[in-house]
Amino acid sequence: MHLGLRLTASNFIVEGEKRYWLHIALGRDLNAGNVDVLGQQLEEVTE
């Protein structure tokens, strides 16, 4: 990319694509009603 060119939606070109699954484990406190994130895992999708 030329150093003088600003990146905008009109000149942005998609050259590749990757897909991911985001797995989230949630825990809920039944008394207070709070929800906590217990864990998360990001997994690349391969077809």
PDB file of N, CA and C in Angstrom:
ATOM      1  N   MET A   1       0.845  -1.180   0.000  1.00  0.00           N
ATOM      2  CA  MET A   1       0.000   0.000   0.000  1.00  0.00           C
ATOM      3  C   MET A   1       0.884   1.234   0.000  1.00  0.00           C
ATOM      4  N   HIS A   2       0.497   2.209  -0.777  1.00  0.00           N
ATOM      5  CA  HIS A   2       1.235   3.464  -0.858  1.00  0.00           C
ATOM      6  C   HIS A   2       1.119   4.188   0.474  1.00  0.00           C
ATOM      7  N   LEU A   3       2.209   4.790   0.941  1.00  0.00           N
ATOM      8  CA  LEU A   3       2.211   5.426   2.255  1.00  0.00           C
ATOM      9  C   LEU A   3       1.265   6.610   2.346  1.00  0.00           C
ATOM     10  N   GLY A   4       0.967   7.261   1.229  1.00  0.00           N
ATOM     11  CA  GLY A   4       0.065   8.406   1.245  1.00  0.00           C
ATOM     12  C   GLY A   4      -1.404   8.014   1.174  1.00  0.00           C
ATOM     13  N   LEU A   5      -1.713   6.743   0.943  1.00  0.00           N
ATOM     14  CA  LEU A   5      -3.092   6.291   0.782  1.00  0.00           C
ATOM     15  C   LEU A   5      -3.682   5.922   2.136  1.00  0.00           C
ATOM     16  N   ARG A   6      -4.832   6.478   2.451  1.00  0.00           N
ATOM     17  CA  ARG A   6      -5.510   6.148   3.706  1.00  0.00           C
ATOM     18  C   ARG A   6      -6.467   4.990   3.470  1.00  0.00           C
ATOM     19  N   LEU A   7      -6.524   4.079   4.400  1.00  0.00           N
ATOM     20  CA  LEU A   7      -7.394   2.913   4.290  1.00  0.00           C
ATOM     21  C   LEU A   7      -8.829   3.304   4.634  1.00  0.00           C
ATOM     22  N   THR A   8      -9.723   3.112   3.674  1.00  0.00           N
ATOM     23  CA  THR A   8     -11.143   3.400   3.883  1.00  0.00           C
ATOM     24  C   THR A   8     -11.949   2.202   3.396  1.00  0.00           C
ATOM     25  N   ALA A   9     -13.247   2.229   3.626  1.00  0.00           N
ATOM     26  CA  ALA A   9     -14.115   1.133   3.202  1.00  0.00           C
ATOM     27  C   ALA A   9     -14.133   0.992   1.680  1.00  0.00           C
ATOM     28  N   SER A  10     -13.931   2.098   0.958  1.00  0.00           N
ATOM     29  CA  SER A  10     -14.004   2.027  -0.500  1.00  0.00           C
ATOM     30  C   SER A  10     -12.742   1.438  -1.125  1.00  0.00           C
ATOM     31  N   ASN A  11     -11.578   1.482  -0.421  1.00  0.00           N
ATOM     32  CA  ASN A  11     -10.358   0.940  -1.012  1.00  0.00           C
ATOM     33  C   ASN A  11      -9.824  -0.271  -0.237  1.00  0.00           C
ATOM     34  N   PHE A  12     -10.637  -0.829   0.653  1.00  0.00           N
ATOM     35  CA  PHE A  12     -10.257  -2.015   1.411  1.00  0.00           C
ATOM     36  C   PHE A  12     -10.560  -3.256   0.581  1.00  0.00           C
ATOM     37  N   ILE A  13      -9.573  -4.137   0.416  1.00  0.00           N
ATOM     38  CA  ILE A  13      -9.739  -5.350  -0.393  1.00  0.00           C
ATOM     39  C   ILE A  13      -9.503  -6.571   0.498  1.00  0.00           C
ATOM     40  N   VAL A  14     -10.485  -7.466   0.532  1.00  0.00           N
ATOM     41  CA  VAL A  14     -10.352  -8.705   1.305  1.00  0.00           C
ATOM     42  C   VAL A  14      -9.538  -9.694   0.484  1.00  0.00           C
ATOM     43  N   GLU A  15      -8.451 -10.188   1.053  1.00  0.00           N
ATOM     44  CA  GLU A  15      -7.585 -11.115   0.335  1.00  0.00           C
ATOM     45  C   GLU A  15      -7.648 -12.529   0.904  1.00  0.00           C
ATOM     46  N   GLY A  16      -8.331 -12.722   2.003  1.00  0.00           N
ATOM     47  CA  GLY A  16      -8.425 -14.044   2.607  1.00  0.00           C
ATOM     48  C   GLY A  16      -9.494 -14.053   3.673  1.00  0.00           C
ATOM     49  N   GLU A  17      -9.795 -15.238   4.149  1.00  0.00           N
ATOM     50  CA  GLU A  17     -10.843 -15.373   5.155  1.00  0.00           C
ATOM     51  C   GLU A  17     -10.523 -16.552   6.048  1.00  0.00           C
ATOM     52  N   LYS A  18     -10.734 -16.388   7.341  1.00  0.00           N
ATOM     53  CA  LYS A  18     -10.612 -17.481   8.301  1.00  0.00           C
ATOM     54  C   LYS A  18     -11.847 -17.469   9.172  1.00  0.00           C
ATOM     55  N   ARG A  19     -12.256 -18.648   9.609  1.00  0.00           N
ATOM     56  CA  ARG A  19     -13.422 -18.760  10.479  1.00  0.00           C
ATOM     57  C   ARG A  19     -13.017 -19.419  11.779  1.00  0.00           C
ATOM     58  N   TYR A  20     -13.666 -18.984  12.846  1.00  0.00           N
ATOM     59  CA  TYR A  20     -13.338 -19.483  14.173  1.00  0.00           C
ATOM     60  C   TYR A  20     -14.609 -19.819  14.936  1.00  0.00           C
ATOM     61  N   TRP A  21     -14.510 -20.782  15.850  1.00  0.00           N
ATOM     62  CA  TRP A  21     -15.541 -21.064  16.841  1.00  0.00           C
ATOM     63  C   TRP A  21     -15.015 -20.509  18.155  1.00  0.00           C
ATOM     64  N   LEU A  22     -15.850 -19.793  18.877  1.00  0.00           N
ATOM     65  CA  LEU A  22     -15.500 -19.328  20.211  1.00  0.00           C
ATOM     66  C   LEU A  22     -16.392 -20.071  21.200  1.00  0.00           C
ATOM     67  N   HIS A  23     -15.772 -20.922  22.027  1.00  0.00           N
ATOM     68  CA  HIS A  23     -16.486 -21.688  23.042  1.00  0.00           C
ATOM     69  C   HIS A  23     -16.353 -20.952  24.364  1.00  0.00           C
ATOM     70  N   ILE A  24     -17.485 -20.722  25.028  1.00  0.00           N
ATOM     71  CA  ILE A  24     -17.483 -19.997  26.298  1.00  0.00           C
ATOM     72  C   ILE A  24     -18.235 -20.821  27.333  1.00  0.00           C
ATOM     73  N   ALA A  25     -17.614 -20.997  28.506  1.00  0.00           N
ATOM     74  CA  ALA A  25     -18.265 -21.665  29.632  1.00  0.00           C
ATOM     75  C   ALA A  25     -18.711 -20.594  30.621  1.00  0.00           C
ATOM     76  N   LEU A  26     -20.012 -20.592  30.939  1.00  0.00           N
ATOM     77  CA  LEU A  26     -20.564 -19.598  31.850  1.00  0.00           C
ATOM     78  C   LEU A  26     -21.014 -20.268  33.138  1.00  0.00           C
ATOM     79  N   GLY A  27     -20.880 -19.556  34.237  1.00  0.00           N
ATOM     80  CA  GLY A  27     -21.386 -20.022  35.522  1.00  0.00           C
ATOM     81  C   GLY A  27     -22.291 -18.957  36.098  1.00  0.00           C
ATOM     82  N   ARG A  28     -23.426 -19.383  36.648  1.00  0.00           N
ATOM     83  CA  ARG A  28     -24.395 -18.422  37.167  1.00  0.00           C
ATOM     84  C   ARG A  28     -24.604 -18.635  38.658  1.00  0.00           C
ATOM     85  N   ASP A  29     -24.555 -17.573  39.414  1.00  0.00           N
ATOM     86  CA  ASP A  29     -24.854 -17.601  40.837  1.00  0.00           C
ATOM     87  C   ASP A  29     -26.369 -17.499  40.980  1.00  0.00           C
ATOM     88  N   LEU A  30     -27.004 -18.564  41.462  1.00  0.00           N
ATOM     89  CA  LEU A  30     -28.468 -18.592  41.524  1.00  0.00           C
ATOM     90  C   LEU A  30     -29.022 -17.628  42.570  1.00  0.00           C
ATOM     91  N   ASN A  31     -28.249 -17.320  43.597  1.00  0.00           N
ATOM     92  CA  ASN A  31     -28.730 -16.419  44.651  1.00  0.00           C
ATOM     93  C   ASN A  31     -28.632 -14.955  44.231  1.00  0.00           C
ATOM     94  N   ALA A  32     -27.480 -14.545  43.720  1.00  0.00           N
ATOM     95  CA  ALA A  32     -27.273 -13.133  43.371  1.00  0.00           C
ATOM     96  C   ALA A  32     -27.636 -12.843  41.912  1.00  0.00           C
ATOM     97  N   GLY A  33     -27.695 -13.865  41.074  1.00  0.00           N
ATOM     98  CA  GLY A  33     -28.021 -13.654  39.664  1.00  0.00           C
ATOM     99  C   GLY A  33     -26.846 -13.222  38.818  1.00  0.00           C
ATOM    100  N   ASN A  34     -25.647 -13.268  39.372  1.00  0.00           N
ATOM    101  CA  ASN A  34     -24.451 -12.888  38.614  1.00  0.00           C
ATOM    102  C   ASN A  34     -24.035 -13.996  37.663  1.00  0.00           C
ATOM    103  N   VAL A  35     -23.469 -13.619  36.530  1.00  0.00           N
ATOM    104  CA  VAL A  35     -22.955 -14.578  35.550  1.00  0.00           C
ATOM    105  C   VAL A  35     -21.460 -14.337  35.391  1.00  0.00           C
ATOM    106  N   ASP A  36     -20.681 -15.400  35.506  1.00  0.00           N
ATOM    107  CA  ASP A  36     -19.225 -15.315  35.362  1.00  0.00           C
ATOM    108  C   ASP A  36     -18.783 -16.149  34.172  1.00  0.00           C
ATOM    109  N   VAL A  37     -17.752 -15.680  33.477  1.00  0.00           N
ATOM    110  CA  VAL A  37     -17.119 -16.462  32.410  1.00  0.00           C
ATOM    111  C   VAL A  37     -16.092 -17.366  33.073  1.00  0.00           C
ATOM    112  N   LEU A  38     -16.317 -18.676  33.025  1.00  0.00           N
ATOM    113  CA  LEU A  38     -15.434 -19.644  33.665  1.00  0.00           C
ATOM    114  C   LEU A  38     -14.263 -20.020  32.775  1.00  0.00           C
ATOM    115  N   GLY A  39     -14.468 -19.982  31.470  1.00  0.00           N
ATOM    116  CA  GLY A  39     -13.404 -20.324  30.544  1.00  0.00           C
ATOM    117  C   GLY A  39     -13.817 -20.001  29.124  1.00  0.00           C
ATOM    118  N   GLN A  40     -12.815 -19.914  28.273  1.00  0.00           N
ATOM    119  CA  GLN A  40     -13.085 -19.671  26.849  1.00  0.00           C
ATOM    120  C   GLN A  40     -12.003 -20.350  26.025  1.00  0.00           C
ATOM    121  N   GLN A  41     -12.387 -20.748  24.814  1.00  0.00           N
ATOM    122  CA  GLN A  41     -11.448 -21.406  23.913  1.00  0.00           C
ATOM    123  C   GLN A  41     -11.767 -20.964  22.492  1.00  0.00           C
ATOM    124  N   LEU A  42     -10.751 -20.511  21.769  1.00  0.00           N
ATOM    125  CA  LEU A  42     -10.886 -20.105  20.380  1.00  0.00           C
ATOM    126  C   LEU A  42     -10.341 -21.210  19.499  1.00  0.00           C
ATOM    127  N   GLU A  43     -11.156 -21.669  18.546  1.00  0.00           N
ATOM    128  CA  GLU A  43     -10.790 -22.802  17.696  1.00  0.00           C
ATOM    129  C   GLU A  43     -10.946 -22.404  16.234  1.00  0.00           C
ATOM    130  N   GLU A  44      -9.890 -22.574  15.452  1.00  0.00           N
ATOM    131  CA  GLU A  44      -9.964 -22.285  14.017  1.00  0.00           C
ATOM    132  C   GLU A  44     -10.751 -23.385  13.321  1.00  0.00           C
ATOM    133  N   VAL A  45     -11.673 -23.017  12.457  1.00  0.00           N
ATOM    134  CA  VAL A  45     -12.489 -23.973  11.724  1.00  0.00           C
ATOM    135  C   VAL A  45     -11.721 -24.413  10.490  1.00  0.00           C
ATOM    136  N   THR A  46     -11.540 -25.722  10.344  1.00  0.00           N
ATOM    137  CA  THR A  46     -10.923 -26.280   9.144  1.00  0.00           C
ATOM    138  C   THR A  46     -11.933 -27.188   8.475  1.00  0.00           C
ATOM    139  N   GLU A  47     -12.152 -26.973   7.209  1.00  0.00           N
ATOM    140  CA  GLU A  47     -13.163 -27.755   6.488  1.00  0.00           C
ATOM    141  C   GLU A  47     -12.518 -28.762   5.578  1.00  0.00           C
TER     142      GLU A  47
END
